[in-house]
Amino acid sequence: MATRKPVAKKTAAKKTAAAKRSAPKKISAPSTSGKGASGGASTAAYFAEQPADKRALLEKLRSLVAQGIPDAEASIKWGVPTYQRNGRNVCALASFKDNVAINFFAPPSVLVDPGKKLEGGGTTSRMLKVRSVQDIDSASILRWLKAAAAASS
């Protein structure tokens, strides 16, 4: 029967150094009292740091949020502007490589979507991907915002 040779244990130094280099940056949520759907300084910073083409689309979506749920408060959650009403999430705006998006936090059953524009397979939210101004159907977005706000009440 062969005897086992003792194996030296690997140190965690390499893993620790790698973890420090790849640690995500922390983003603190701003105070949004009295700010309404326009949001606080951090939400403004999020929009300001976007490329001009995406910023224009996000600004249009933000204006629709302000119109559809004027009493919503904005803060940064998950690194993106998120809009709440009565402390409950209603929607979020985000910029991605190929598009911007608005995510509605509501069950799919309340988000009437005959044109099948909303994406996602979960039970609590749906997302509209916007690649150009033509993708912004204001009437549908306002309807979805109001439905999501009512569902979160």
C-alpha atoms as a PDB file:
ATOM      1  CA  MET A   1       0.000   0.000   0.000  1.00  0.00           C
ATOM      2  CA  ALA A   2       1.445   3.349  -1.033  1.00  0.00           C
ATOM      3  CA  THR A   3       1.832   6.071   1.537  1.00  0.00           C
ATOM      4  CA  ARG A   4       0.518   9.513   0.858  1.00  0.00           C
ATOM      5  CA  LYS A   5       2.904  12.401   0.616  1.00  0.00           C
ATOM      6  CA  PRO A   6       1.892  15.467   2.570  1.00  0.00           C
ATOM      7  CA  VAL A   7       0.647  18.200   0.255  1.00  0.00           C
ATOM      8  CA  ALA A   8       1.464  21.810   1.051  1.00  0.00           C
ATOM      9  CA  LYS A   9      -1.613  23.978   1.484  1.00  0.00           C
ATOM     10  CA  LYS A  10      -1.998  26.835  -0.961  1.00  0.00           C
ATOM     11  CA  THR A  11      -2.126  30.263   0.527  1.00  0.00           C
ATOM     12  CA  ALA A  12      -5.043  32.595  -0.001  1.00  0.00           C
ATOM     13  CA  ALA A  13      -2.789  35.556  -0.789  1.00  0.00           C
ATOM     14  CA  LYS A  14      -3.396  35.376  -4.528  1.00  0.00           C
ATOM     15  CA  LYS A  15      -7.150  35.125  -4.102  1.00  0.00           C
ATOM     16  CA  THR A  16      -7.226  38.027  -1.652  1.00  0.00           C
ATOM     17  CA  ALA A  17      -5.212  40.298  -3.931  1.00  0.00           C
ATOM     18  CA  ALA A  18      -7.431  39.434  -6.908  1.00  0.00           C
ATOM     19  CA  ALA A  19     -10.567  40.046  -4.881  1.00  0.00           C
ATOM     20  CA  LYS A  20      -9.363  43.506  -3.873  1.00  0.00           C
ATOM     21  CA  ARG A  21      -8.665  44.451  -7.490  1.00  0.00           C
ATOM     22  CA  SER A  22     -12.072  43.327  -8.749  1.00  0.00           C
ATOM     23  CA  ALA A  23     -14.218  44.551  -5.849  1.00  0.00           C
ATOM     24  CA  PRO A  24     -17.221  46.541  -7.098  1.00  0.00           C
ATOM     25  CA  LYS A  25     -17.445  50.236  -6.377  1.00  0.00           C
ATOM     26  CA  LYS A  26     -19.980  51.152  -3.743  1.00  0.00           C
ATOM     27  CA  ILE A  27     -22.671  53.640  -4.702  1.00  0.00           C
ATOM     28  CA  SER A  28     -24.572  55.268  -1.889  1.00  0.00           C
ATOM     29  CA  ALA A  29     -28.210  56.196  -2.296  1.00  0.00           C
ATOM     30  CA  PRO A  30     -28.922  59.917  -2.136  1.00  0.00           C
ATOM     31  CA  SER A  31     -31.449  61.618   0.053  1.00  0.00           C
ATOM     32  CA  THR A  32     -34.492  62.249  -2.122  1.00  0.00           C
ATOM     33  CA  SER A  33     -36.909  63.929   0.253  1.00  0.00           C
ATOM     34  CA  GLY A  34     -38.850  66.579  -1.598  1.00  0.00           C
ATOM     35  CA  LYS A  35     -37.157  65.853  -4.932  1.00  0.00           C
ATOM     36  CA  GLY A  36     -40.082  64.095  -6.674  1.00  0.00           C
ATOM     37  CA  ALA A  37     -39.557  62.097  -9.842  1.00  0.00           C
ATOM     38  CA  SER A  38     -36.625  64.259 -10.946  1.00  0.00           C
ATOM     39  CA  GLY A  39     -34.416  62.588  -8.324  1.00  0.00           C
ATOM     40  CA  GLY A  40     -31.428  63.661  -6.283  1.00  0.00           C
ATOM     41  CA  ALA A  41     -27.885  64.579  -7.169  1.00  0.00           C
ATOM     42  CA  SER A  42     -26.791  60.977  -7.732  1.00  0.00           C
ATOM     43  CA  THR A  43     -29.560  60.286 -10.234  1.00  0.00           C
ATOM     44  CA  ALA A  44     -28.574  63.465 -12.071  1.00  0.00           C
ATOM     45  CA  ALA A  45     -24.973  62.255 -12.061  1.00  0.00           C
ATOM     46  CA  TYR A  46     -26.067  58.915 -13.544  1.00  0.00           C
ATOM     47  CA  PHE A  47     -27.732  60.677 -16.468  1.00  0.00           C
ATOM     48  CA  ALA A  48     -24.838  63.113 -16.917  1.00  0.00           C
ATOM     49  CA  GLU A  49     -22.254  60.325 -17.254  1.00  0.00           C
ATOM     50  CA  GLN A  50     -24.124  58.587 -20.098  1.00  0.00           C
ATOM     51  CA  PRO A  51     -23.183  59.077 -23.774  1.00  0.00           C
ATOM     52  CA  ALA A  52     -25.265  61.811 -25.458  1.00  0.00           C
ATOM     53  CA  ASP A  53     -27.379  59.401 -27.554  1.00  0.00           C
ATOM     54  CA  LYS A  54     -28.329  57.255 -24.562  1.00  0.00           C
ATOM     55  CA  ARG A  55     -28.772  60.280 -22.296  1.00  0.00           C
ATOM     56  CA  ALA A  56     -31.399  61.681 -24.688  1.00  0.00           C
ATOM     57  CA  LEU A  57     -33.373  58.426 -24.557  1.00  0.00           C
ATOM     58  CA  LEU A  58     -33.062  58.204 -20.753  1.00  0.00           C
ATOM     59  CA  GLU A  59     -34.198  61.825 -20.364  1.00  0.00           C
ATOM     60  CA  LYS A  60     -37.289  61.112 -22.468  1.00  0.00           C
ATOM     61  CA  LEU A  61     -38.082  58.075 -20.310  1.00  0.00           C
ATOM     62  CA  ARG A  62     -37.454  60.093 -17.135  1.00  0.00           C
ATOM     63  CA  SER A  63     -39.927  62.752 -18.315  1.00  0.00           C
ATOM     64  CA  LEU A  64     -42.527  60.039 -18.873  1.00  0.00           C
ATOM     65  CA  VAL A  65     -41.909  58.716 -15.352  1.00  0.00           C
ATOM     66  CA  ALA A  66     -42.407  62.239 -13.968  1.00  0.00           C
ATOM     67  CA  GLN A  67     -45.633  62.530 -15.953  1.00  0.00           C
ATOM     68  CA  GLY A  68     -46.979  59.066 -15.149  1.00  0.00           C
ATOM     69  CA  ILE A  69     -46.089  58.945 -11.440  1.00  0.00           C
ATOM     70  CA  PRO A  70     -45.418  62.553 -10.360  1.00  0.00           C
ATOM     71  CA  ASP A  71     -45.195  61.647  -6.660  1.00  0.00           C
ATOM     72  CA  ALA A  72     -42.425  59.062  -7.212  1.00  0.00           C
ATOM     73  CA  GLU A  73     -39.116  59.496  -5.420  1.00  0.00           C
ATOM     74  CA  ALA A  74     -35.881  58.642  -7.207  1.00  0.00           C
ATOM     75  CA  SER A  75     -32.759  57.072  -5.756  1.00  0.00           C
ATOM     76  CA  ILE A  76     -29.868  54.970  -6.943  1.00  0.00           C
ATOM     77  CA  LYS A  77     -30.458  51.262  -6.350  1.00  0.00           C
ATOM     78  CA  TRP A  78     -28.481  48.507  -8.021  1.00  0.00           C
ATOM     79  CA  GLY A  79     -26.403  51.291  -9.604  1.00  0.00           C
ATOM     80  CA  VAL A  80     -29.298  52.763 -11.607  1.00  0.00           C
ATOM     81  CA  PRO A  81     -32.050  55.359 -11.032  1.00  0.00           C
ATOM     82  CA  THR A  82     -34.974  53.594  -9.389  1.00  0.00           C
ATOM     83  CA  TYR A  83     -38.336  55.218  -8.733  1.00  0.00           C
ATOM     84  CA  GLN A  84     -40.405  54.396  -5.655  1.00  0.00           C
ATOM     85  CA  ARG A  85     -43.831  55.311  -4.451  1.00  0.00           C
ATOM     86  CA  ASN A  86     -44.766  54.801  -0.811  1.00  0.00           C
ATOM     87  CA  GLY A  87     -41.418  53.070  -0.315  1.00  0.00           C
ATOM     88  CA  ARG A  88     -42.111  50.441  -3.008  1.00  0.00           C
ATOM     89  CA  ASN A  89     -40.225  50.165  -6.291  1.00  0.00           C
ATOM     90  CA  VAL A  90     -42.240  51.085  -9.374  1.00  0.00           C
ATOM     91  CA  CYS A  91     -39.643  51.276 -12.156  1.00  0.00           C
ATOM     92  CA  ALA A  92     -35.957  51.705 -12.934  1.00  0.00           C
ATOM     93  CA  LEU A  93     -34.061  53.243 -15.832  1.00  0.00           C
ATOM     94  CA  ALA A  94     -30.754  51.815 -17.024  1.00  0.00           C
ATOM     95  CA  SER A  95     -28.211  52.196 -19.788  1.00  0.00           C
ATOM     96  CA  PHE A  96     -26.652  49.150 -21.447  1.00  0.00           C
ATOM     97  CA  LYS A  97     -24.182  48.608 -24.276  1.00  0.00           C
ATOM     98  CA  ASP A  98     -26.776  48.414 -27.074  1.00  0.00           C
ATOM     99  CA  ASN A  99     -29.832  50.071 -25.536  1.00  0.00           C
ATOM    100  CA  VAL A 100     -31.417  51.802 -22.579  1.00  0.00           C
ATOM    101  CA  ALA A 101     -34.297  50.243 -20.699  1.00  0.00           C
ATOM    102  CA  ILE A 102     -37.139  50.897 -18.340  1.00  0.00           C
ATOM    103  CA  ASN A 103     -37.946  48.075 -15.960  1.00  0.00           C
ATOM    104  CA  PHE A 104     -41.481  47.958 -14.555  1.00  0.00           C
ATOM    105  CA  PHE A 105     -41.730  46.300 -11.134  1.00  0.00           C
ATOM    106  CA  ALA A 106     -45.158  44.714 -11.442  1.00  0.00           C
ATOM    107  CA  PRO A 107     -46.589  41.284 -12.185  1.00  0.00           C
ATOM    108  CA  PRO A 108     -46.968  40.643 -15.916  1.00  0.00           C
ATOM    109  CA  SER A 109     -50.712  40.196 -15.442  1.00  0.00           C
ATOM    110  CA  VAL A 110     -51.153  43.945 -14.788  1.00  0.00           C
ATOM    111  CA  LEU A 111     -48.897  45.069 -17.651  1.00  0.00           C
ATOM    112  CA  VAL A 112     -51.174  44.740 -20.682  1.00  0.00           C
ATOM    113  CA  ASP A 113     -48.855  44.261 -23.668  1.00  0.00           C
ATOM    114  CA  PRO A 114     -50.680  43.205 -26.851  1.00  0.00           C
ATOM    115  CA  GLY A 115     -47.700  44.222 -29.019  1.00  0.00           C
ATOM    116  CA  LYS A 116     -45.322  41.975 -27.018  1.00  0.00           C
ATOM    117  CA  LYS A 117     -42.836  44.818 -26.511  1.00  0.00           C
ATOM    118  CA  LEU A 118     -41.990  43.948 -22.908  1.00  0.00           C
ATOM    119  CA  GLU A 119     -39.287  41.376 -22.237  1.00  0.00           C
ATOM    120  CA  GLY A 120     -38.587  39.072 -19.310  1.00  0.00           C
ATOM    121  CA  GLY A 121     -39.876  35.838 -17.916  1.00  0.00           C
ATOM    122  CA  GLY A 122     -40.028  36.544 -14.191  1.00  0.00           C
ATOM    123  CA  THR A 123     -43.089  36.926 -12.033  1.00  0.00           C
ATOM    124  CA  THR A 124     -42.375  40.416 -10.681  1.00  0.00           C
ATOM    125  CA  SER A 125     -41.131  42.625 -13.515  1.00  0.00           C
ATOM    126  CA  ARG A 126     -40.889  43.300 -17.229  1.00  0.00           C
ATOM    127  CA  MET A 127     -38.443  45.422 -19.238  1.00  0.00           C
ATOM    128  CA  LEU A 128     -38.832  47.613 -22.295  1.00  0.00           C
ATOM    129  CA  LYS A 129     -35.614  47.920 -24.295  1.00  0.00           C
ATOM    130  CA  VAL A 130     -35.226  51.219 -26.123  1.00  0.00           C
ATOM    131  CA  ARG A 131     -32.719  51.508 -28.962  1.00  0.00           C
ATOM    132  CA  SER A 132     -34.107  54.641 -30.646  1.00  0.00           C
ATOM    133  CA  VAL A 133     -36.729  57.337 -30.139  1.00  0.00           C
ATOM    134  CA  GLN A 134     -39.091  55.296 -32.322  1.00  0.00           C
ATOM    135  CA  ASP A 135     -39.114  52.591 -29.619  1.00  0.00           C
ATOM    136  CA  ILE A 136     -40.682  55.025 -27.133  1.00  0.00           C
ATOM    137  CA  ASP A 137     -44.447  54.543 -27.271  1.00  0.00           C
ATOM    138  CA  SER A 138     -45.452  57.203 -24.741  1.00  0.00           C
ATOM    139  CA  ALA A 139     -49.059  56.036 -24.365  1.00  0.00           C
ATOM    140  CA  SER A 140     -48.026  52.440 -23.588  1.00  0.00           C
ATOM    141  CA  ILE A 141     -45.235  53.502 -21.231  1.00  0.00           C
ATOM    142  CA  LEU A 142     -47.583  55.803 -19.300  1.00  0.00           C
ATOM    143  CA  ARG A 143     -50.155  53.001 -19.065  1.00  0.00           C
ATOM    144  CA  TRP A 144     -47.495  50.570 -17.771  1.00  0.00           C
ATOM    145  CA  LEU A 145     -46.187  53.140 -15.271  1.00  0.00           C
ATOM    146  CA  LYS A 146     -49.665  53.724 -13.860  1.00  0.00           C
ATOM    147  CA  ALA A 147     -50.319  49.968 -13.693  1.00  0.00           C
ATOM    148  CA  ALA A 148     -46.999  49.348 -11.916  1.00  0.00           C
ATOM    149  CA  ALA A 149     -47.682  52.207  -9.474  1.00  0.00           C
ATOM    150  CA  ALA A 150     -51.155  50.829  -8.711  1.00  0.00           C
ATOM    151  CA  ALA A 151     -49.741  47.309  -8.237  1.00  0.00           C
ATOM    152  CA  SER A 152     -47.117  48.567  -5.791  1.00  0.00           C
ATOM    153  CA  SER A 153     -49.662  50.388  -3.602  1.00  0.00           C
END
